[in-house]
């Protein structure tokens, strides 16, 4: 018998999530992988090809080997990234997220985003206490595509084919 724990934290609505995505210029993906079958790789591919974000990757093991992801360097920690980061997008176990929230605050990030399936009331509390806006159990790729015409509100392909590209001057 599995025990379902009640979620206490309530996340931002669609309008607030859109504002977060519009305000974000740089994203650090913590728990990034160079394996194409991993969700973080798929999200990274989308963000690099279909958005205007500057994307940075954090994975201590890959960084120690001098690894790259999609031709971009991998950093051992958030503190090693040489630019200011707006959003920290996390692909790690929920137990790891409170410490990552602290690191995100230490580098001056504004947004702490936990990917689909990742939820930690403790991390949300830590992040908010340190001044970060939090989103949990949502995919940056799905949210970006939804707000930019790639998905409908249910999160599925709209079937609409268009040659229009996202406007970069906004």
C-alpha atoms as a PDB file:
ATOM      1  CA  UNK A   1       0.000   0.000   0.000  1.00  0.00           C
ATOM      2  CA  UNK A   2       1.496   3.327  -1.014  1.00  0.00           C
ATOM      3  CA  UNK A   3       1.144   6.396   1.127  1.00  0.00           C
ATOM      4  CA  UNK A   4       0.158   9.582  -0.632  1.00  0.00           C
ATOM      5  CA  UNK A   5       1.453  12.689   1.060  1.00  0.00           C
ATOM      6  CA  UNK A   6      -0.525  15.869   0.762  1.00  0.00           C
ATOM      7  CA  UNK A   7       1.167  18.636  -1.154  1.00  0.00           C
ATOM      8  CA  UNK A   8       1.132  21.858   0.842  1.00  0.00           C
ATOM      9  CA  UNK A   9       2.741  24.266  -1.593  1.00  0.00           C
ATOM     10  CA  UNK A  10       0.686  25.895  -4.349  1.00  0.00           C
ATOM     11  CA  UNK A  11       2.493  26.981  -7.476  1.00  0.00           C
ATOM     12  CA  UNK A  12       2.049  29.938  -9.777  1.00  0.00           C
ATOM     13  CA  UNK A  13      -0.739  29.927 -12.332  1.00  0.00           C
ATOM     14  CA  UNK A  14      -0.352  30.080 -16.096  1.00  0.00           C
ATOM     15  CA  UNK A  15      -0.063  33.878 -16.256  1.00  0.00           C
ATOM     16  CA  UNK A  16       2.715  33.890 -13.659  1.00  0.00           C
ATOM     17  CA  UNK A  17       4.555  31.032 -15.400  1.00  0.00           C
ATOM     18  CA  UNK A  18       4.387  32.935 -18.691  1.00  0.00           C
ATOM     19  CA  UNK A  19       5.845  36.023 -16.978  1.00  0.00           C
ATOM     20  CA  UNK A  20       8.681  33.895 -15.584  1.00  0.00           C
ATOM     21  CA  UNK A  21       9.477  32.540 -19.050  1.00  0.00           C
ATOM     22  CA  UNK A  22       9.321  36.031 -20.568  1.00  0.00           C
ATOM     23  CA  UNK A  23      11.605  37.499 -17.901  1.00  0.00           C
ATOM     24  CA  UNK A  24      14.170  34.694 -18.153  1.00  0.00           C
ATOM     25  CA  UNK A  25      17.210  35.165 -20.376  1.00  0.00           C
ATOM     26  CA  UNK A  26      19.591  32.544 -18.946  1.00  0.00           C
ATOM     27  CA  UNK A  27      18.828  29.024 -17.731  1.00  0.00           C
ATOM     28  CA  UNK A  28      21.094  26.615 -15.889  1.00  0.00           C
ATOM     29  CA  UNK A  29      20.037  22.980 -16.167  1.00  0.00           C
ATOM     30  CA  UNK A  30      21.150  21.128 -13.029  1.00  0.00           C
ATOM     31  CA  UNK A  31      21.357  17.389 -13.552  1.00  0.00           C
ATOM     32  CA  UNK A  32      21.912  17.809 -17.285  1.00  0.00           C
ATOM     33  CA  UNK A  33      22.847  14.661 -19.176  1.00  0.00           C
ATOM     34  CA  UNK A  34      24.652  13.994 -22.436  1.00  0.00           C
ATOM     35  CA  UNK A  35      22.540  10.861 -22.981  1.00  0.00           C
ATOM     36  CA  UNK A  36      19.945  11.436 -25.700  1.00  0.00           C
ATOM     37  CA  UNK A  37      17.360   9.256 -23.962  1.00  0.00           C
ATOM     38  CA  UNK A  38      17.268  11.496 -20.881  1.00  0.00           C
ATOM     39  CA  UNK A  39      14.586  14.141 -20.425  1.00  0.00           C
ATOM     40  CA  UNK A  40      17.192  16.802 -19.618  1.00  0.00           C
ATOM     41  CA  UNK A  41      18.854  16.222 -23.007  1.00  0.00           C
ATOM     42  CA  UNK A  42      15.530  16.513 -24.822  1.00  0.00           C
ATOM     43  CA  UNK A  43      14.665  19.730 -22.955  1.00  0.00           C
ATOM     44  CA  UNK A  44      18.137  21.143 -23.652  1.00  0.00           C
ATOM     45  CA  UNK A  45      17.801  20.344 -27.360  1.00  0.00           C
ATOM     46  CA  UNK A  46      14.457  22.137 -27.485  1.00  0.00           C
ATOM     47  CA  UNK A  47      15.636  25.193 -25.530  1.00  0.00           C
ATOM     48  CA  UNK A  48      18.746  25.611 -27.685  1.00  0.00           C
ATOM     49  CA  UNK A  49      16.876  25.212 -30.970  1.00  0.00           C
ATOM     50  CA  UNK A  50      13.474  26.763 -30.263  1.00  0.00           C
ATOM     51  CA  UNK A  51      13.991  29.541 -27.744  1.00  0.00           C
ATOM     52  CA  UNK A  52      16.128  32.617 -27.247  1.00  0.00           C
ATOM     53  CA  UNK A  53      17.508  31.470 -23.871  1.00  0.00           C
ATOM     54  CA  UNK A  54      21.199  31.124 -23.151  1.00  0.00           C
ATOM     55  CA  UNK A  55      21.455  27.630 -21.651  1.00  0.00           C
ATOM     56  CA  UNK A  56      24.167  26.348 -19.300  1.00  0.00           C
ATOM     57  CA  UNK A  57      24.665  22.817 -18.033  1.00  0.00           C
ATOM     58  CA  UNK A  58      25.582  21.593 -14.551  1.00  0.00           C
ATOM     59  CA  UNK A  59      26.765  18.037 -13.969  1.00  0.00           C
ATOM     60  CA  UNK A  60      29.818  17.522 -11.716  1.00  0.00           C
ATOM     61  CA  UNK A  61      30.712  14.134 -13.200  1.00  0.00           C
ATOM     62  CA  UNK A  62      30.646  15.316 -16.818  1.00  0.00           C
ATOM     63  CA  UNK A  63      32.427  18.551 -15.899  1.00  0.00           C
ATOM     64  CA  UNK A  64      35.204  16.547 -14.246  1.00  0.00           C
ATOM     65  CA  UNK A  65      35.743  14.702 -17.517  1.00  0.00           C
ATOM     66  CA  UNK A  66      35.737  17.935 -19.551  1.00  0.00           C
ATOM     67  CA  UNK A  67      32.465  16.871 -21.105  1.00  0.00           C
ATOM     68  CA  UNK A  68      30.091  18.838 -23.255  1.00  0.00           C
ATOM     69  CA  UNK A  69      26.383  18.678 -23.965  1.00  0.00           C
ATOM     70  CA  UNK A  70      25.227  19.650 -27.432  1.00  0.00           C
ATOM     71  CA  UNK A  71      28.581  21.375 -27.963  1.00  0.00           C
ATOM     72  CA  UNK A  72      28.316  23.474 -24.785  1.00  0.00           C
ATOM     73  CA  UNK A  73      30.623  23.175 -21.759  1.00  0.00           C
ATOM     74  CA  UNK A  74      29.392  21.481 -18.612  1.00  0.00           C
ATOM     75  CA  UNK A  75      30.022  23.086 -15.223  1.00  0.00           C
ATOM     76  CA  UNK A  76      30.586  21.330 -11.912  1.00  0.00           C
ATOM     77  CA  UNK A  77      28.338  23.699  -9.969  1.00  0.00           C
ATOM     78  CA  UNK A  78      26.089  26.704 -10.381  1.00  0.00           C
ATOM     79  CA  UNK A  79      28.830  28.879  -8.886  1.00  0.00           C
ATOM     80  CA  UNK A  80      31.174  27.880 -11.738  1.00  0.00           C
ATOM     81  CA  UNK A  81      28.949  29.362 -14.457  1.00  0.00           C
ATOM     82  CA  UNK A  82      30.596  32.620 -15.607  1.00  0.00           C
ATOM     83  CA  UNK A  83      27.360  34.600 -16.193  1.00  0.00           C
ATOM     84  CA  UNK A  84      24.341  35.594 -14.134  1.00  0.00           C
ATOM     85  CA  UNK A  85      21.638  32.932 -14.211  1.00  0.00           C
ATOM     86  CA  UNK A  86      17.955  33.845 -14.135  1.00  0.00           C
ATOM     87  CA  UNK A  87      16.438  30.369 -13.833  1.00  0.00           C
ATOM     88  CA  UNK A  88      17.750  27.167 -12.305  1.00  0.00           C
ATOM     89  CA  UNK A  89      15.946  24.222 -13.930  1.00  0.00           C
ATOM     90  CA  UNK A  90      16.415  21.032 -11.904  1.00  0.00           C
ATOM     91  CA  UNK A  91      16.520  17.393 -13.038  1.00  0.00           C
ATOM     92  CA  UNK A  92      17.495  15.801  -9.710  1.00  0.00           C
ATOM     93  CA  UNK A  93      15.863  13.729  -6.961  1.00  0.00           C
ATOM     94  CA  UNK A  94      13.524  15.670  -4.652  1.00  0.00           C
ATOM     95  CA  UNK A  95      15.863  15.026  -1.694  1.00  0.00           C
ATOM     96  CA  UNK A  96      18.623  16.943  -3.507  1.00  0.00           C
ATOM     97  CA  UNK A  97      16.523  20.014  -4.247  1.00  0.00           C
ATOM     98  CA  UNK A  98      16.657  21.975  -0.947  1.00  0.00           C
ATOM     99  CA  UNK A  99      20.458  22.231  -1.246  1.00  0.00           C
ATOM    100  CA  UNK A 100      20.161  23.204  -4.909  1.00  0.00           C
ATOM    101  CA  UNK A 101      17.660  25.915  -3.931  1.00  0.00           C
ATOM    102  CA  UNK A 102      20.285  27.367  -1.575  1.00  0.00           C
ATOM    103  CA  UNK A 103      22.907  27.291  -4.347  1.00  0.00           C
ATOM    104  CA  UNK A 104      20.463  28.993  -6.724  1.00  0.00           C
ATOM    105  CA  UNK A 105      19.909  31.794  -4.219  1.00  0.00           C
ATOM    106  CA  UNK A 106      23.662  32.133  -3.625  1.00  0.00           C
ATOM    107  CA  UNK A 107      24.284  32.839  -7.325  1.00  0.00           C
ATOM    108  CA  UNK A 108      21.429  35.352  -7.478  1.00  0.00           C
ATOM    109  CA  UNK A 109      18.959  33.352  -9.555  1.00  0.00           C
ATOM    110  CA  UNK A 110      15.390  34.624  -9.586  1.00  0.00           C
ATOM    111  CA  UNK A 111      13.555  31.419 -10.466  1.00  0.00           C
ATOM    112  CA  UNK A 112      13.803  27.863  -9.157  1.00  0.00           C
ATOM    113  CA  UNK A 113      12.071  25.381 -11.472  1.00  0.00           C
ATOM    114  CA  UNK A 114      11.678  21.658 -10.728  1.00  0.00           C
ATOM    115  CA  UNK A 115      10.881  19.489 -13.720  1.00  0.00           C
ATOM    116  CA  UNK A 116       7.956  17.092 -14.188  1.00  0.00           C
ATOM    117  CA  UNK A 117       7.711  14.549 -11.397  1.00  0.00           C
ATOM    118  CA  UNK A 118       9.922  16.523  -9.021  1.00  0.00           C
ATOM    119  CA  UNK A 119       8.245  17.958  -5.940  1.00  0.00           C
ATOM    120  CA  UNK A 120       9.674  19.098  -2.624  1.00  0.00           C
ATOM    121  CA  UNK A 121       7.707  21.256  -0.221  1.00  0.00           C
ATOM    122  CA  UNK A 122      10.963  21.721   1.704  1.00  0.00           C
ATOM    123  CA  UNK A 123      12.801  23.006  -1.385  1.00  0.00           C
ATOM    124  CA  UNK A 124       9.932  25.370  -2.190  1.00  0.00           C
ATOM    125  CA  UNK A 125      10.024  26.759   1.339  1.00  0.00           C
ATOM    126  CA  UNK A 126      13.811  27.163   1.263  1.00  0.00           C
ATOM    127  CA  UNK A 127      13.742  28.821  -2.170  1.00  0.00           C
ATOM    128  CA  UNK A 128      10.917  31.205  -1.330  1.00  0.00           C
ATOM    129  CA  UNK A 129      12.505  32.133   2.004  1.00  0.00           C
ATOM    130  CA  UNK A 130      15.635  33.060   0.025  1.00  0.00           C
ATOM    131  CA  UNK A 131      13.663  35.197  -2.431  1.00  0.00           C
ATOM    132  CA  UNK A 132      13.278  32.867  -5.403  1.00  0.00           C
ATOM    133  CA  UNK A 133      10.036  32.317  -7.276  1.00  0.00           C
ATOM    134  CA  UNK A 134       9.287  28.588  -7.512  1.00  0.00           C
ATOM    135  CA  UNK A 135       7.683  26.290 -10.082  1.00  0.00           C
ATOM    136  CA  UNK A 136       7.507  22.539  -9.418  1.00  0.00           C
ATOM    137  CA  UNK A 137       6.392  19.451 -11.310  1.00  0.00           C
ATOM    138  CA  UNK A 138       6.291  21.302 -14.640  1.00  0.00           C
ATOM    139  CA  UNK A 139       8.454  21.056 -17.748  1.00  0.00           C
ATOM    140  CA  UNK A 140      10.100  24.232 -19.054  1.00  0.00           C
ATOM    141  CA  UNK A 141       9.986  22.854 -22.603  1.00  0.00           C
ATOM    142  CA  UNK A 142       6.266  22.058 -22.427  1.00  0.00           C
ATOM    143  CA  UNK A 143       5.434  25.405 -20.821  1.00  0.00           C
ATOM    144  CA  UNK A 144       7.509  27.343 -23.358  1.00  0.00           C
ATOM    145  CA  UNK A 145       5.963  25.473 -26.292  1.00  0.00           C
ATOM    146  CA  UNK A 146       2.455  25.930 -24.888  1.00  0.00           C
ATOM    147  CA  UNK A 147       2.865  29.696 -24.577  1.00  0.00           C
ATOM    148  CA  UNK A 148       4.564  30.067 -27.958  1.00  0.00           C
ATOM    149  CA  UNK A 149       2.045  28.165 -30.077  1.00  0.00           C
ATOM    150  CA  UNK A 150       3.673  24.743 -30.084  1.00  0.00           C
ATOM    151  CA  UNK A 151       1.138  23.076 -27.799  1.00  0.00           C
ATOM    152  CA  UNK A 152      -2.445  23.633 -26.845  1.00  0.00           C
ATOM    153  CA  UNK A 153      -3.582  24.018 -23.236  1.00  0.00           C
ATOM    154  CA  UNK A 154      -3.788  20.246 -22.761  1.00  0.00           C
ATOM    155  CA  UNK A 155      -0.120  19.957 -23.704  1.00  0.00           C
ATOM    156  CA  UNK A 156      -0.580  18.116 -26.975  1.00  0.00           C
ATOM    157  CA  UNK A 157       0.548  18.942 -30.470  1.00  0.00           C
ATOM    158  CA  UNK A 158      -2.033  21.238 -32.064  1.00  0.00           C
ATOM    159  CA  UNK A 159      -1.563  19.719 -35.515  1.00  0.00           C
ATOM    160  CA  UNK A 160      -1.056  23.214 -36.909  1.00  0.00           C
ATOM    161  CA  UNK A 161       1.851  23.521 -39.274  1.00  0.00           C
ATOM    162  CA  UNK A 162       3.379  26.943 -39.663  1.00  0.00           C
ATOM    163  CA  UNK A 163       6.529  28.432 -41.105  1.00  0.00           C
ATOM    164  CA  UNK A 164       6.411  31.229 -38.499  1.00  0.00           C
ATOM    165  CA  UNK A 165       9.307  31.349 -36.095  1.00  0.00           C
ATOM    166  CA  UNK A 166       9.309  32.872 -32.657  1.00  0.00           C
ATOM    167  CA  UNK A 167       9.933  36.607 -32.848  1.00  0.00           C
ATOM    168  CA  UNK A 168      13.293  37.482 -31.379  1.00  0.00           C
ATOM    169  CA  UNK A 169      12.729  41.232 -31.047  1.00  0.00           C
ATOM    170  CA  UNK A 170      10.199  41.012 -28.216  1.00  0.00           C
END
